[in-house]
Amino acid sequence: MSLPEAHRRFQGELRSLIDKKVLVRLADGRTYRGTVVGIDINTLSLVLSDAETDQGSKISKVIVHGSRISEIIVEEEAVFEPREFADFIVQKLQLPPHAIEVSDQFRYVIVYHKYKITESGVEGEGPFAQRLYDLLQEYLRSKQRKSS
């Protein structure tokens, strides 16, 4: 794997932390637990919402500079699996395989070079975009039921 490819994958992993629950351990040993709502890729800084300190203090938002972070532990499993979702919509909509493009690295599915689907939703407009959104919700509900 080339260095640029490794760098892109690392950035993709950081971006996938958005809306995930994490435990952030600081270099001094203190911790924050919360939901990632923002990331600065250049400084590796994080914005956490609904955070809690290791002493139990609640904080609505905290910005942690990347230079203070020792480790980030993801506490929430990814629900959206791009390849699995692509297979799901091919089966449900009986789409030809060439109509689907999957990026495991950036965690998206593109349908007909027009509609982009991520765990966050569907980019695109019209009745077909709504159908894809409905299928995404069905897929996510089925995944949540399996994990419960």
N, C-alpha and C. Protein backbone atom coordinates (compact mmCIF):
# COMPACT_ATOMS: atom_id res chain seq x y z
N MET A 1 0.86 -1.17 0.00
CA MET A 1 0.00 0.00 0.00
C MET A 1 0.90 1.24 0.00
N SER A 2 0.57 2.18 -0.84
CA SER A 2 1.37 3.39 -0.93
C SER A 2 1.06 4.32 0.23
N LEU A 3 1.97 5.24 0.48
CA LEU A 3 1.79 6.20 1.57
C LEU A 3 0.56 7.08 1.33
N PRO A 4 0.35 7.61 0.11
CA PRO A 4 -0.87 8.41 -0.11
C PRO A 4 -2.15 7.60 0.14
N GLU A 5 -2.14 6.32 -0.25
CA GLU A 5 -3.31 5.48 -0.02
C GLU A 5 -3.54 5.29 1.48
N ALA A 6 -2.49 5.05 2.23
CA ALA A 6 -2.60 4.89 3.69
C ALA A 6 -3.13 6.18 4.32
N HIS A 7 -2.65 7.32 3.83
CA HIS A 7 -3.09 8.61 4.34
C HIS A 7 -4.58 8.81 4.07
N ARG A 8 -5.05 8.48 2.87
CA ARG A 8 -6.47 8.61 2.53
C ARG A 8 -7.32 7.69 3.41
N ARG A 9 -6.83 6.49 3.65
CA ARG A 9 -7.58 5.55 4.50
C ARG A 9 -7.67 6.08 5.93
N PHE A 10 -6.57 6.64 6.43
CA PHE A 10 -6.57 7.20 7.78
C PHE A 10 -7.59 8.33 7.88
N GLN A 11 -7.59 9.22 6.90
CA GLN A 11 -8.56 10.31 6.90
C GLN A 11 -9.98 9.78 6.82
N GLY A 12 -10.19 8.74 6.02
CA GLY A 12 -11.52 8.13 5.93
C GLY A 12 -11.97 7.55 7.26
N GLU A 13 -11.04 6.92 7.97
CA GLU A 13 -11.36 6.38 9.29
C GLU A 13 -11.73 7.50 10.26
N LEU A 14 -10.99 8.59 10.22
CA LEU A 14 -11.32 9.73 11.09
C LEU A 14 -12.70 10.28 10.75
N ARG A 15 -12.98 10.44 9.47
CA ARG A 15 -14.29 10.97 9.06
C ARG A 15 -15.43 10.04 9.50
N SER A 16 -15.15 8.74 9.52
CA SER A 16 -16.21 7.79 9.91
C SER A 16 -16.56 7.89 11.38
N LEU A 17 -15.78 8.64 12.17
CA LEU A 17 -16.07 8.82 13.59
C LEU A 17 -17.23 9.80 13.83
N ILE A 18 -17.56 10.61 12.83
CA ILE A 18 -18.65 11.59 12.99
C ILE A 18 -19.93 10.85 13.40
N ASP A 19 -20.58 11.38 14.43
CA ASP A 19 -21.82 10.84 14.99
C ASP A 19 -21.63 9.51 15.73
N LYS A 20 -20.40 9.13 16.02
CA LYS A 20 -20.13 7.91 16.79
C LYS A 20 -19.77 8.27 18.22
N LYS A 21 -20.10 7.36 19.13
CA LYS A 21 -19.74 7.52 20.54
C LYS A 21 -18.31 7.01 20.73
N VAL A 22 -17.50 7.86 21.37
CA VAL A 22 -16.09 7.52 21.57
C VAL A 22 -15.66 7.84 22.99
N LEU A 23 -14.57 7.21 23.38
CA LEU A 23 -13.86 7.54 24.61
C LEU A 23 -12.54 8.14 24.16
N VAL A 24 -12.26 9.37 24.59
CA VAL A 24 -11.02 10.05 24.23
C VAL A 24 -10.15 10.10 25.48
N ARG A 25 -8.99 9.45 25.41
CA ARG A 25 -8.05 9.47 26.52
C ARG A 25 -6.98 10.52 26.21
N LEU A 26 -6.78 11.43 27.14
CA LEU A 26 -5.80 12.49 26.96
C LEU A 26 -4.42 12.03 27.41
N ALA A 27 -3.40 12.75 26.99
CA ALA A 27 -2.02 12.42 27.36
C ALA A 27 -1.81 12.42 28.87
N ASP A 28 -2.60 13.23 29.60
CA ASP A 28 -2.45 13.28 31.06
C ASP A 28 -3.28 12.22 31.78
N GLY A 29 -3.96 11.34 31.02
CA GLY A 29 -4.72 10.25 31.61
C GLY A 29 -6.20 10.53 31.78
N ARG A 30 -6.62 11.80 31.74
CA ARG A 30 -8.04 12.12 31.86
C ARG A 30 -8.78 11.63 30.62
N THR A 31 -10.11 11.47 30.76
CA THR A 31 -10.90 10.99 29.63
C THR A 31 -12.16 11.82 29.43
N TYR A 32 -12.62 11.81 28.19
CA TYR A 32 -13.93 12.35 27.82
C TYR A 32 -14.65 11.24 27.06
N ARG A 33 -15.93 11.11 27.32
CA ARG A 33 -16.77 10.18 26.59
C ARG A 33 -17.88 11.02 25.98
N GLY A 34 -18.11 10.87 24.68
CA GLY A 34 -19.15 11.65 24.03
C GLY A 34 -19.30 11.27 22.57
N THR A 35 -20.12 12.05 21.86
CA THR A 35 -20.39 11.82 20.45
C THR A 35 -19.58 12.81 19.62
N VAL A 36 -18.85 12.29 18.65
CA VAL A 36 -18.03 13.14 17.78
C VAL A 36 -18.95 13.90 16.82
N VAL A 37 -18.87 15.23 16.85
CA VAL A 37 -19.68 16.05 15.94
C VAL A 37 -18.81 16.87 15.00
N GLY A 38 -17.50 16.86 15.23
CA GLY A 38 -16.60 17.60 14.34
C GLY A 38 -15.18 17.10 14.48
N ILE A 39 -14.45 17.18 13.38
CA ILE A 39 -13.04 16.76 13.36
C ILE A 39 -12.27 17.73 12.49
N ASP A 40 -11.10 18.15 12.97
CA ASP A 40 -10.17 18.91 12.14
C ASP A 40 -9.08 17.92 11.73
N ILE A 41 -9.11 17.52 10.48
CA ILE A 41 -8.17 16.52 9.98
C ILE A 41 -6.72 16.98 10.13
N ASN A 42 -6.47 18.29 9.98
CA ASN A 42 -5.10 18.80 10.04
C ASN A 42 -4.48 18.73 11.42
N THR A 43 -5.27 19.01 12.46
CA THR A 43 -4.72 19.00 13.83
C THR A 43 -5.15 17.78 14.62
N LEU A 44 -6.03 16.97 14.05
CA LEU A 44 -6.63 15.81 14.71
C LEU A 44 -7.43 16.21 15.94
N SER A 45 -7.92 17.45 15.94
CA SER A 45 -8.76 17.93 17.03
C SER A 45 -10.18 17.40 16.85
N LEU A 46 -10.88 17.21 17.98
CA LEU A 46 -12.24 16.69 17.97
C LEU A 46 -13.19 17.62 18.69
N VAL A 47 -14.43 17.64 18.25
CA VAL A 47 -15.51 18.29 18.99
C VAL A 47 -16.44 17.16 19.43
N LEU A 48 -16.67 17.07 20.74
CA LEU A 48 -17.57 16.08 21.30
C LEU A 48 -18.81 16.78 21.85
N SER A 49 -19.97 16.20 21.61
CA SER A 49 -21.19 16.74 22.22
C SER A 49 -21.68 15.73 23.25
N ASP A 50 -22.52 16.24 24.17
CA ASP A 50 -23.05 15.40 25.25
C ASP A 50 -21.94 14.58 25.89
N ALA A 51 -20.87 15.28 26.25
CA ALA A 51 -19.68 14.62 26.79
C ALA A 51 -19.77 14.46 28.30
N GLU A 52 -18.96 13.53 28.78
CA GLU A 52 -18.85 13.29 30.22
C GLU A 52 -17.37 13.09 30.54
N THR A 53 -16.92 13.69 31.63
CA THR A 53 -15.53 13.50 32.06
C THR A 53 -15.41 12.23 32.87
N ASP A 54 -14.17 11.83 33.14
CA ASP A 54 -13.97 10.64 33.97
C ASP A 54 -14.41 10.87 35.41
N GLN A 55 -14.61 12.13 35.82
CA GLN A 55 -15.15 12.43 37.15
C GLN A 55 -16.68 12.48 37.15
N GLY A 56 -17.31 12.28 36.00
CA GLY A 56 -18.76 12.27 35.91
C GLY A 56 -19.40 13.60 35.59
N SER A 57 -18.60 14.64 35.35
CA SER A 57 -19.16 15.95 34.98
C SER A 57 -19.72 15.90 33.56
N LYS A 58 -20.89 16.48 33.37
CA LYS A 58 -21.54 16.53 32.05
C LYS A 58 -21.16 17.83 31.37
N ILE A 59 -20.84 17.75 30.08
CA ILE A 59 -20.45 18.91 29.29
C ILE A 59 -21.22 18.84 27.97
N SER A 60 -21.90 19.94 27.60
CA SER A 60 -22.69 19.88 26.37
C SER A 60 -21.79 19.79 25.13
N LYS A 61 -20.67 20.51 25.13
CA LYS A 61 -19.70 20.42 24.02
C LYS A 61 -18.30 20.67 24.55
N VAL A 62 -17.36 19.91 24.03
CA VAL A 62 -15.96 20.12 24.38
C VAL A 62 -15.12 19.96 23.11
N ILE A 63 -14.15 20.84 22.97
CA ILE A 63 -13.21 20.75 21.86
C ILE A 63 -11.88 20.30 22.44
N VAL A 64 -11.36 19.20 21.90
CA VAL A 64 -10.11 18.63 22.40
C VAL A 64 -9.08 18.76 21.28
N HIS A 65 -8.01 19.48 21.56
CA HIS A 65 -6.96 19.66 20.56
C HIS A 65 -6.22 18.34 20.36
N GLY A 66 -5.92 18.04 19.14
CA GLY A 66 -5.27 16.78 18.79
C GLY A 66 -3.96 16.53 19.52
N SER A 67 -3.24 17.58 19.85
CA SER A 67 -1.95 17.40 20.53
C SER A 67 -2.12 16.85 21.95
N ARG A 68 -3.32 16.95 22.51
CA ARG A 68 -3.59 16.46 23.86
C ARG A 68 -4.12 15.03 23.87
N ILE A 69 -4.51 14.51 22.68
CA ILE A 69 -5.14 13.19 22.61
C ILE A 69 -4.10 12.08 22.57
N SER A 70 -4.28 11.12 23.48
CA SER A 70 -3.43 9.94 23.52
C SER A 70 -4.05 8.83 22.66
N GLU A 71 -5.37 8.63 22.82
CA GLU A 71 -6.05 7.61 22.02
C GLU A 71 -7.54 7.92 21.93
N ILE A 72 -8.14 7.38 20.87
CA ILE A 72 -9.58 7.50 20.65
C ILE A 72 -10.11 6.08 20.53
N ILE A 73 -11.04 5.75 21.41
CA ILE A 73 -11.62 4.41 21.41
C ILE A 73 -13.06 4.52 20.96
N VAL A 74 -13.39 3.84 19.87
CA VAL A 74 -14.75 3.87 19.34
C VAL A 74 -15.59 2.90 20.16
N GLU A 75 -16.68 3.41 20.72
CA GLU A 75 -17.53 2.59 21.58
C GLU A 75 -18.79 2.12 20.89
N GLU A 76 -18.95 2.51 19.65
CA GLU A 76 -20.18 2.20 18.92
C GLU A 76 -19.83 1.50 17.62
N GLU A 77 -20.41 0.35 17.40
CA GLU A 77 -20.19 -0.40 16.17
C GLU A 77 -20.81 0.33 14.99
N ALA A 78 -20.16 0.23 13.85
CA ALA A 78 -20.73 0.79 12.63
C ALA A 78 -21.96 -0.04 12.24
N VAL A 79 -23.03 0.63 11.95
CA VAL A 79 -24.26 -0.07 11.56
C VAL A 79 -24.30 -0.22 10.04
N PHE A 80 -23.87 0.79 9.33
CA PHE A 80 -23.94 0.82 7.87
C PHE A 80 -22.71 0.15 7.27
N GLU A 81 -22.94 -0.92 6.56
CA GLU A 81 -21.87 -1.61 5.83
C GLU A 81 -22.15 -1.42 4.34
N PRO A 82 -21.32 -0.63 3.65
CA PRO A 82 -21.62 -0.27 2.26
C PRO A 82 -21.88 -1.46 1.33
N ARG A 83 -21.04 -2.47 1.38
CA ARG A 83 -21.23 -3.63 0.47
C ARG A 83 -22.52 -4.38 0.79
N GLU A 84 -22.78 -4.53 2.06
CA GLU A 84 -24.00 -5.21 2.47
C GLU A 84 -25.24 -4.42 2.02
N PHE A 85 -25.18 -3.09 2.19
CA PHE A 85 -26.30 -2.26 1.75
C PHE A 85 -26.46 -2.32 0.23
N ALA A 86 -25.35 -2.33 -0.50
CA ALA A 86 -25.42 -2.43 -1.96
C ALA A 86 -26.12 -3.72 -2.37
N ASP A 87 -25.76 -4.84 -1.74
CA ASP A 87 -26.43 -6.11 -2.03
C ASP A 87 -27.92 -6.04 -1.69
N PHE A 88 -28.23 -5.36 -0.58
CA PHE A 88 -29.61 -5.20 -0.13
C PHE A 88 -30.45 -4.47 -1.18
N ILE A 89 -29.92 -3.34 -1.69
CA ILE A 89 -30.72 -2.58 -2.67
C ILE A 89 -30.74 -3.24 -4.04
N VAL A 90 -29.69 -3.96 -4.41
CA VAL A 90 -29.71 -4.70 -5.67
C VAL A 90 -30.82 -5.73 -5.62
N GLN A 91 -30.94 -6.41 -4.48
CA GLN A 91 -31.99 -7.42 -4.32
C GLN A 91 -33.37 -6.77 -4.29
N LYS A 92 -33.55 -5.72 -3.51
CA LYS A 92 -34.87 -5.09 -3.36
C LYS A 92 -35.35 -4.41 -4.64
N LEU A 93 -34.42 -3.74 -5.33
CA LEU A 93 -34.80 -2.98 -6.53
C LEU A 93 -34.50 -3.71 -7.83
N GLN A 94 -33.87 -4.88 -7.72
CA GLN A 94 -33.46 -5.67 -8.87
C GLN A 94 -32.66 -4.83 -9.87
N LEU A 95 -31.66 -4.13 -9.32
CA LEU A 95 -30.79 -3.29 -10.13
C LEU A 95 -29.69 -4.13 -10.76
N PRO A 96 -29.23 -3.73 -11.95
CA PRO A 96 -28.07 -4.42 -12.52
C PRO A 96 -26.82 -4.06 -11.71
N PRO A 97 -25.92 -5.00 -11.53
CA PRO A 97 -24.73 -4.74 -10.70
C PRO A 97 -23.90 -3.53 -11.16
N HIS A 98 -23.88 -3.23 -12.45
CA HIS A 98 -23.10 -2.08 -12.92
C HIS A 98 -23.70 -0.73 -12.49
N ALA A 99 -24.92 -0.75 -11.95
CA ALA A 99 -25.57 0.48 -11.51
C ALA A 99 -25.08 0.94 -10.14
N ILE A 100 -24.28 0.10 -9.48
CA ILE A 100 -23.85 0.36 -8.11
C ILE A 100 -22.34 0.54 -8.05
N GLU A 101 -21.91 1.56 -7.31
CA GLU A 101 -20.49 1.76 -7.02
C GLU A 101 -20.36 1.82 -5.50
N VAL A 102 -19.40 1.08 -4.95
CA VAL A 102 -19.22 1.00 -3.49
C VAL A 102 -17.83 1.48 -3.12
N SER A 103 -17.75 2.32 -2.09
CA SER A 103 -16.47 2.71 -1.53
C SER A 103 -16.43 2.24 -0.08
N ASP A 104 -15.66 1.18 0.16
CA ASP A 104 -15.49 0.71 1.54
C ASP A 104 -14.68 1.72 2.34
N GLN A 105 -13.71 2.33 1.69
CA GLN A 105 -12.83 3.28 2.36
C GLN A 105 -13.58 4.50 2.88
N PHE A 106 -14.44 5.09 2.04
CA PHE A 106 -15.16 6.30 2.44
C PHE A 106 -16.60 6.00 2.85
N ARG A 107 -16.96 4.71 2.85
CA ARG A 107 -18.23 4.22 3.40
C ARG A 107 -19.45 4.84 2.72
N TYR A 108 -19.50 4.69 1.38
CA TYR A 108 -20.68 5.16 0.65
C TYR A 108 -21.02 4.19 -0.47
N VAL A 109 -22.25 4.34 -0.96
CA VAL A 109 -22.74 3.60 -2.13
C VAL A 109 -23.29 4.64 -3.09
N ILE A 110 -22.94 4.53 -4.35
CA ILE A 110 -23.50 5.42 -5.37
C ILE A 110 -24.32 4.58 -6.34
N VAL A 111 -25.52 5.05 -6.62
CA VAL A 111 -26.43 4.36 -7.52
C VAL A 111 -26.63 5.21 -8.77
N TYR A 112 -26.43 4.57 -9.92
CA TYR A 112 -26.58 5.23 -11.21
C TYR A 112 -25.78 6.53 -11.32
N HIS A 113 -24.63 6.59 -10.72
CA HIS A 113 -23.74 7.76 -10.76
C HIS A 113 -24.45 9.04 -10.33
N LYS A 114 -25.55 8.91 -9.60
CA LYS A 114 -26.37 10.08 -9.30
C LYS A 114 -26.73 10.20 -7.82
N TYR A 115 -26.94 9.08 -7.15
CA TYR A 115 -27.41 9.08 -5.77
C TYR A 115 -26.33 8.51 -4.86
N LYS A 116 -25.93 9.28 -3.88
CA LYS A 116 -24.90 8.85 -2.93
C LYS A 116 -25.57 8.53 -1.60
N ILE A 117 -25.31 7.32 -1.10
CA ILE A 117 -25.92 6.88 0.15
C ILE A 117 -24.82 6.61 1.16
N THR A 118 -24.97 7.22 2.33
CA THR A 118 -24.08 6.97 3.47
C THR A 118 -24.96 6.64 4.67
N GLU A 119 -24.34 6.36 5.78
CA GLU A 119 -25.09 6.09 7.01
C GLU A 119 -25.96 7.30 7.39
N SER A 120 -25.53 8.49 6.95
CA SER A 120 -26.25 9.71 7.30
C SER A 120 -27.47 9.98 6.44
N GLY A 121 -27.55 9.37 5.26
CA GLY A 121 -28.70 9.62 4.42
C GLY A 121 -28.41 9.47 2.94
N VAL A 122 -29.26 10.09 2.13
CA VAL A 122 -29.18 9.98 0.67
C VAL A 122 -29.01 11.37 0.09
N GLU A 123 -28.02 11.51 -0.78
CA GLU A 123 -27.84 12.76 -1.52
C GLU A 123 -28.44 12.55 -2.90
N GLY A 124 -29.33 13.41 -3.28
CA GLY A 124 -30.03 13.31 -4.55
C GLY A 124 -31.48 13.69 -4.33
N GLU A 125 -32.20 13.87 -5.42
CA GLU A 125 -33.59 14.32 -5.33
C GLU A 125 -34.49 13.45 -6.17
N GLY A 126 -35.78 13.54 -5.85
CA GLY A 126 -36.79 12.87 -6.66
C GLY A 126 -37.32 11.60 -6.02
N PRO A 127 -38.26 10.98 -6.69
CA PRO A 127 -38.91 9.78 -6.14
C PRO A 127 -37.93 8.62 -5.91
N PHE A 128 -36.95 8.46 -6.81
CA PHE A 128 -36.00 7.37 -6.64
C PHE A 128 -35.12 7.61 -5.41
N ALA A 129 -34.73 8.85 -5.17
CA ALA A 129 -33.95 9.20 -3.98
C ALA A 129 -34.78 8.88 -2.73
N GLN A 130 -36.06 9.17 -2.77
CA GLN A 130 -36.93 8.86 -1.63
C GLN A 130 -37.01 7.35 -1.42
N ARG A 131 -37.10 6.59 -2.52
CA ARG A 131 -37.15 5.12 -2.42
C ARG A 131 -35.85 4.60 -1.80
N LEU A 132 -34.71 5.15 -2.21
CA LEU A 132 -33.43 4.75 -1.63
C LEU A 132 -33.37 5.10 -0.15
N TYR A 133 -33.90 6.27 0.22
CA TYR A 133 -33.92 6.68 1.62
C TYR A 133 -34.78 5.71 2.44
N ASP A 134 -35.94 5.34 1.90
CA ASP A 134 -36.82 4.39 2.60
C ASP A 134 -36.12 3.05 2.79
N LEU A 135 -35.39 2.59 1.76
CA LEU A 135 -34.66 1.33 1.87
C LEU A 135 -33.51 1.44 2.86
N LEU A 136 -32.87 2.60 2.91
CA LEU A 136 -31.81 2.82 3.89
C LEU A 136 -32.37 2.70 5.30
N GLN A 137 -33.52 3.32 5.54
CA GLN A 137 -34.14 3.24 6.87
C GLN A 137 -34.53 1.80 7.21
N GLU A 138 -35.06 1.08 6.24
CA GLU A 138 -35.42 -0.33 6.46
C GLU A 138 -34.17 -1.14 6.80
N TYR A 139 -33.10 -0.93 6.04
CA TYR A 139 -31.83 -1.63 6.26
C TYR A 139 -31.28 -1.33 7.67
N LEU A 140 -31.25 -0.04 8.05
CA LEU A 140 -30.72 0.33 9.35
C LEU A 140 -31.57 -0.25 10.49
N ARG A 141 -32.89 -0.24 10.33
CA ARG A 141 -33.76 -0.84 11.35
C ARG A 141 -33.49 -2.33 11.50
N SER A 142 -33.31 -3.02 10.38
CA SER A 142 -33.05 -4.48 10.45
C SER A 142 -31.70 -4.74 11.11
N LYS A 143 -30.72 -3.89 10.86
CA LYS A 143 -29.40 -4.06 11.49
C LYS A 143 -29.50 -3.80 12.99
N GLN A 144 -30.28 -2.81 13.39
CA GLN A 144 -30.41 -2.50 14.81
C GLN A 144 -31.16 -3.62 15.54
N ARG A 145 -32.15 -4.21 14.90
CA ARG A 145 -32.88 -5.32 15.51
C ARG A 145 -31.95 -6.52 15.73
N LYS A 146 -31.08 -6.78 14.76
CA LYS A 146 -30.15 -7.91 14.87
C LYS A 146 -29.15 -7.69 16.00
N SER A 147 -28.75 -6.44 16.22
CA SER A 147 -27.75 -6.17 17.26
C SER A 147 -28.36 -6.09 18.65
N SER A 148 -29.68 -6.00 18.74
CA SER A 148 -30.35 -5.89 20.06
C SER A 148 -30.52 -7.23 20.71
